[in-house]
Amino acid sequence: MFGAMQMYQMQAMEQHIAQKEMRRKESVSRLVRLKAFLRQDFMTLGQQIDDTFESVCGPSSYSGSHRSTF
């Protein structure tokens, strides 16, 4: 009886650990996707700022070599 109880507790603990690992992997996956999305969003925003600045100031006062990159 005691052995069966121990076996049940070990299986429950293993299942708990497996669920925690699955949630951790899902969280990491969401963070990776969010990072990629934000990186693209900031690059697009940076390009729009550069284009706006260039159109306002004109190409003579602004050279494209000053563009920031991520």
Protein backbone atom coordinates (compact mmCIF):
# COMPACT_ATOMS: atom_id res chain seq x y z
CA MET A 1 0.00 0.00 0.00
CA PHE A 2 2.75 2.43 0.95
CA GLY A 3 4.64 1.65 -2.29
CA ALA A 4 1.56 2.37 -4.38
CA MET A 5 1.12 5.71 -2.60
CA GLN A 6 4.75 6.61 -3.27
CA MET A 7 4.40 5.61 -6.92
CA TYR A 8 1.27 7.78 -7.26
CA GLN A 9 3.04 10.76 -5.67
CA MET A 10 6.05 10.34 -7.96
CA GLN A 11 3.81 10.18 -11.04
CA ALA A 12 1.93 13.27 -9.89
CA MET A 13 5.22 15.12 -9.35
CA GLU A 14 6.52 14.07 -12.78
CA GLN A 15 3.29 15.24 -14.39
CA HIS A 16 3.51 18.55 -12.53
CA ILE A 17 7.10 19.05 -13.68
CA ALA A 18 6.17 18.18 -17.28
CA GLN A 19 3.30 20.70 -17.21
CA LYS A 20 5.60 23.40 -15.82
CA GLU A 21 8.14 22.70 -18.58
CA MET A 22 5.41 22.86 -21.25
CA ARG A 23 4.19 26.23 -19.91
CA ARG A 24 7.78 27.51 -19.82
CA LYS A 25 8.33 26.50 -23.46
CA GLU A 26 5.07 28.18 -24.48
CA SER A 27 6.12 31.37 -22.68
CA VAL A 28 9.52 31.35 -24.38
CA SER A 29 7.86 30.81 -27.76
CA ARG A 30 5.52 33.77 -27.18
CA LEU A 31 8.45 35.96 -26.12
CA VAL A 32 10.44 35.03 -29.22
CA ARG A 33 7.48 35.90 -31.46
CA LEU A 34 6.92 39.17 -29.58
CA LYS A 35 10.60 40.09 -29.90
CA ALA A 36 10.51 39.45 -33.67
CA PHE A 37 7.32 41.48 -34.02
CA LEU A 38 8.72 44.41 -32.02
CA ARG A 39 12.03 44.34 -33.88
CA GLN A 40 10.17 44.54 -37.21
CA ASP A 41 7.86 47.23 -35.86
CA PHE A 42 10.78 49.36 -34.63
CA MET A 43 12.65 48.91 -37.91
CA THR A 44 9.57 50.03 -39.84
CA LEU A 45 9.09 52.99 -37.50
CA GLY A 46 12.75 53.94 -37.84
CA GLN A 47 12.47 53.80 -41.63
CA GLN A 48 9.34 55.99 -41.55
CA ILE A 49 11.12 58.51 -39.30
CA ASP A 50 14.14 58.56 -41.62
CA ASP A 51 11.92 59.00 -44.69
CA THR A 52 9.94 61.78 -43.04
CA PHE A 53 13.09 63.55 -41.87
CA GLU A 54 14.60 63.23 -45.34
CA SER A 55 11.49 64.61 -47.02
CA VAL A 56 11.25 67.54 -44.58
CA CYS A 57 14.92 68.50 -44.54
CA GLY A 58 15.74 67.52 -48.10
CA PRO A 59 18.55 65.26 -49.26
CA SER A 60 21.14 68.08 -49.18
CA SER A 61 21.07 68.39 -45.38
CA TYR A 62 20.64 64.72 -44.57
CA SER A 63 22.59 61.76 -45.78
CA GLY A 64 21.18 58.24 -45.60
CA SER A 65 24.38 57.00 -43.94
CA HIS A 66 23.09 58.27 -40.59
CA ARG A 67 20.20 55.80 -40.51
CA SER A 68 20.06 53.71 -37.40
CA THR A 69 19.90 49.95 -37.64
CA PHE A 70 18.82 47.29 -35.20
